[in-house]
Amino acid sequence: MSIEHVAEVGSGDEPDAVATAAATATYPVAPGVRLNVRSGPGTGYAVVRVLPEGARVAIYCQTPGSWVTGPYGTSNIWDNIGSGQYVSDTYVRTGSDGYFRPRCS
């Protein structure tokens, strides 16, 4: 879905359109990595699928979980990329070392 499409179907309320556009932005997974997607925010959760090399993900919210060291540092931040689907933020190039999306509820 393009940002232009979001603006067309939105209510015309600028903050809603901006929030929707931010939620549909995608971020690249670290180069050369096939990334495990887990059912919860930690390495103790089951792997529900594996993202292929070169994947990009939309991040809807972020939550603390188990600590992981990856290509982009060490962190306990986990990115929610879909219903019941989490990846460690240390494998996604977000341009931030901290939270930049809302906390998952």
C-alpha atoms as a PDB file:
ATOM      1  CA  MET A   1       0.000   0.000   0.000  1.00  0.00           C
ATOM      2  CA  SER A   2       1.467   3.329  -0.979  1.00  0.00           C
ATOM      3  CA  ILE A   3       1.389   6.431   1.167  1.00  0.00           C
ATOM      4  CA  GLU A   4      -0.689   8.159  -1.528  1.00  0.00           C
ATOM      5  CA  HIS A   5      -3.273   5.369  -1.276  1.00  0.00           C
ATOM      6  CA  VAL A   6      -3.427   5.755   2.501  1.00  0.00           C
ATOM      7  CA  ALA A   7      -4.083   9.477   2.128  1.00  0.00           C
ATOM      8  CA  GLU A   8      -6.883   8.809  -0.388  1.00  0.00           C
ATOM      9  CA  VAL A   9      -8.779   6.335   1.790  1.00  0.00           C
ATOM     10  CA  GLY A  10      -8.142   8.160   5.073  1.00  0.00           C
ATOM     11  CA  SER A  11     -10.623  10.461   6.731  1.00  0.00           C
ATOM     12  CA  GLY A  12      -8.607  13.511   5.738  1.00  0.00           C
ATOM     13  CA  ASP A  13      -7.376  13.879   9.316  1.00  0.00           C
ATOM     14  CA  GLU A  14      -3.635  14.506   8.954  1.00  0.00           C
ATOM     15  CA  PRO A  15      -2.439  12.783  12.204  1.00  0.00           C
ATOM     16  CA  ASP A  16      -4.271   9.545  11.277  1.00  0.00           C
ATOM     17  CA  ALA A  17      -2.755   9.538   7.787  1.00  0.00           C
ATOM     18  CA  VAL A  18       0.732  10.134   9.196  1.00  0.00           C
ATOM     19  CA  ALA A  19       0.343   7.339  11.793  1.00  0.00           C
ATOM     20  CA  THR A  20      -0.908   4.918   9.127  1.00  0.00           C
ATOM     21  CA  ALA A  21       1.960   5.801   6.793  1.00  0.00           C
ATOM     22  CA  ALA A  22       4.489   5.249   9.601  1.00  0.00           C
ATOM     23  CA  ALA A  23       3.001   1.825  10.354  1.00  0.00           C
ATOM     24  CA  THR A  24       3.345   0.780   6.715  1.00  0.00           C
ATOM     25  CA  ALA A  25       6.978   1.873   6.361  1.00  0.00           C
ATOM     26  CA  THR A  26       9.319  -1.089   5.962  1.00  0.00           C
ATOM     27  CA  TYR A  27      12.806  -1.662   7.309  1.00  0.00           C
ATOM     28  CA  PRO A  28      15.513  -3.978   5.949  1.00  0.00           C
ATOM     29  CA  VAL A  29      16.654  -7.105   7.750  1.00  0.00           C
ATOM     30  CA  ALA A  30      20.472  -7.279   8.094  1.00  0.00           C
ATOM     31  CA  PRO A  31      22.190  -8.342   4.865  1.00  0.00           C
ATOM     32  CA  GLY A  32      22.795 -12.063   4.450  1.00  0.00           C
ATOM     33  CA  VAL A  33      20.477 -13.000   7.326  1.00  0.00           C
ATOM     34  CA  ARG A  34      17.592 -15.465   7.270  1.00  0.00           C
ATOM     35  CA  LEU A  35      15.707 -14.171  10.308  1.00  0.00           C
ATOM     36  CA  ASN A  36      13.620 -16.291  12.681  1.00  0.00           C
ATOM     37  CA  VAL A  37      10.173 -14.843  13.365  1.00  0.00           C
ATOM     38  CA  ARG A  38       8.973 -15.894  16.811  1.00  0.00           C
ATOM     39  CA  SER A  39       5.540 -16.151  18.417  1.00  0.00           C
ATOM     40  CA  GLY A  40       6.575 -13.817  21.248  1.00  0.00           C
ATOM     41  CA  PRO A  41       9.298 -11.329  22.201  1.00  0.00           C
ATOM     42  CA  GLY A  42      12.124 -13.674  23.077  1.00  0.00           C
ATOM     43  CA  THR A  43      14.312 -16.555  22.011  1.00  0.00           C
ATOM     44  CA  GLY A  44      12.282 -18.941  24.179  1.00  0.00           C
ATOM     45  CA  TYR A  45       9.235 -18.536  21.934  1.00  0.00           C
ATOM     46  CA  ALA A  46       8.548 -20.862  19.009  1.00  0.00           C
ATOM     47  CA  VAL A  47       9.761 -19.986  15.516  1.00  0.00           C
ATOM     48  CA  VAL A  48       6.649 -19.410  13.373  1.00  0.00           C
ATOM     49  CA  ARG A  49       8.470 -18.726  10.092  1.00  0.00           C
ATOM     50  CA  VAL A  50      11.822 -17.637   8.694  1.00  0.00           C
ATOM     51  CA  LEU A  51      12.291 -14.450   6.678  1.00  0.00           C
ATOM     52  CA  PRO A  52      14.473 -14.867   3.576  1.00  0.00           C
ATOM     53  CA  GLU A  53      17.643 -12.890   2.907  1.00  0.00           C
ATOM     54  CA  GLY A  54      16.832  -9.393   1.696  1.00  0.00           C
ATOM     55  CA  ALA A  55      13.479  -9.219   3.515  1.00  0.00           C
ATOM     56  CA  ARG A  56      11.923  -5.964   4.664  1.00  0.00           C
ATOM     57  CA  VAL A  57       9.470  -5.728   7.565  1.00  0.00           C
ATOM     58  CA  ALA A  58       6.785  -3.317   8.734  1.00  0.00           C
ATOM     59  CA  ILE A  59       7.017  -2.670  12.486  1.00  0.00           C
ATOM     60  CA  TYR A  60       3.689  -2.045  14.209  1.00  0.00           C
ATOM     61  CA  CYS A  61       4.854  -1.812  17.817  1.00  0.00           C
ATOM     62  CA  GLN A  62       7.854  -2.694  19.995  1.00  0.00           C
ATOM     63  CA  THR A  63       8.159  -4.460  23.328  1.00  0.00           C
ATOM     64  CA  PRO A  64      10.890  -5.590  25.725  1.00  0.00           C
ATOM     65  CA  GLY A  65      11.878  -9.254  25.716  1.00  0.00           C
ATOM     66  CA  SER A  66      14.991 -11.380  25.968  1.00  0.00           C
ATOM     67  CA  TRP A  67      18.386  -9.812  25.270  1.00  0.00           C
ATOM     68  CA  VAL A  68      19.915 -10.564  21.869  1.00  0.00           C
ATOM     69  CA  THR A  69      23.182  -9.566  20.201  1.00  0.00           C
ATOM     70  CA  GLY A  70      22.920  -9.129  16.450  1.00  0.00           C
ATOM     71  CA  PRO A  71      24.442  -7.159  13.574  1.00  0.00           C
ATOM     72  CA  TYR A  72      23.021  -3.898  14.929  1.00  0.00           C
ATOM     73  CA  GLY A  73      24.074  -4.237  18.564  1.00  0.00           C
ATOM     74  CA  THR A  74      22.718  -5.775  21.763  1.00  0.00           C
ATOM     75  CA  SER A  75      19.169  -5.026  22.869  1.00  0.00           C
ATOM     76  CA  ASN A  76      16.072  -6.437  24.508  1.00  0.00           C
ATOM     77  CA  ILE A  77      13.751  -4.614  22.074  1.00  0.00           C
ATOM     78  CA  TRP A  78      11.548  -6.856  19.933  1.00  0.00           C
ATOM     79  CA  ASP A  79       9.627  -5.634  16.889  1.00  0.00           C
ATOM     80  CA  ASN A  80       6.077  -6.810  16.243  1.00  0.00           C
ATOM     81  CA  ILE A  81       5.777  -7.417  12.488  1.00  0.00           C
ATOM     82  CA  GLY A  82       2.309  -8.998  12.522  1.00  0.00           C
ATOM     83  CA  SER A  83      -0.155 -10.767  14.754  1.00  0.00           C
ATOM     84  CA  GLY A  84       1.884 -13.090  16.998  1.00  0.00           C
ATOM     85  CA  GLN A  85       5.093 -12.375  15.030  1.00  0.00           C
ATOM     86  CA  TYR A  86       8.208 -10.841  16.613  1.00  0.00           C
ATOM     87  CA  VAL A  87      11.814 -10.309  15.532  1.00  0.00           C
ATOM     88  CA  SER A  88      14.749  -8.987  17.506  1.00  0.00           C
ATOM     89  CA  ASP A  89      15.366  -5.313  16.751  1.00  0.00           C
ATOM     90  CA  THR A  90      19.102  -6.088  16.587  1.00  0.00           C
ATOM     91  CA  TYR A  91      18.546  -7.697  13.165  1.00  0.00           C
ATOM     92  CA  VAL A  92      16.510  -4.854  11.631  1.00  0.00           C
ATOM     93  CA  ARG A  93      18.036  -1.580  10.412  1.00  0.00           C
ATOM     94  CA  THR A  94      15.628   0.959  11.889  1.00  0.00           C
ATOM     95  CA  GLY A  95      18.026   3.872  12.291  1.00  0.00           C
ATOM     96  CA  SER A  96      17.358   3.916  16.042  1.00  0.00           C
ATOM     97  CA  ASP A  97      19.037   2.306  19.056  1.00  0.00           C
ATOM     98  CA  GLY A  98      15.872   2.640  21.122  1.00  0.00           C
ATOM     99  CA  TYR A  99      12.117   2.536  20.819  1.00  0.00           C
ATOM    100  CA  PHE A 100      10.758   4.457  17.857  1.00  0.00           C
ATOM    101  CA  ARG A 101       7.327   2.824  17.541  1.00  0.00           C
ATOM    102  CA  PRO A 102       4.627   2.602  20.237  1.00  0.00           C
ATOM    103  CA  ARG A 103       4.929  -0.062  22.926  1.00  0.00           C
ATOM    104  CA  CYS A 104       2.878  -3.168  22.214  1.00  0.00           C
ATOM    105  CA  SER A 105      -0.107  -3.540  24.519  1.00  0.00           C
END
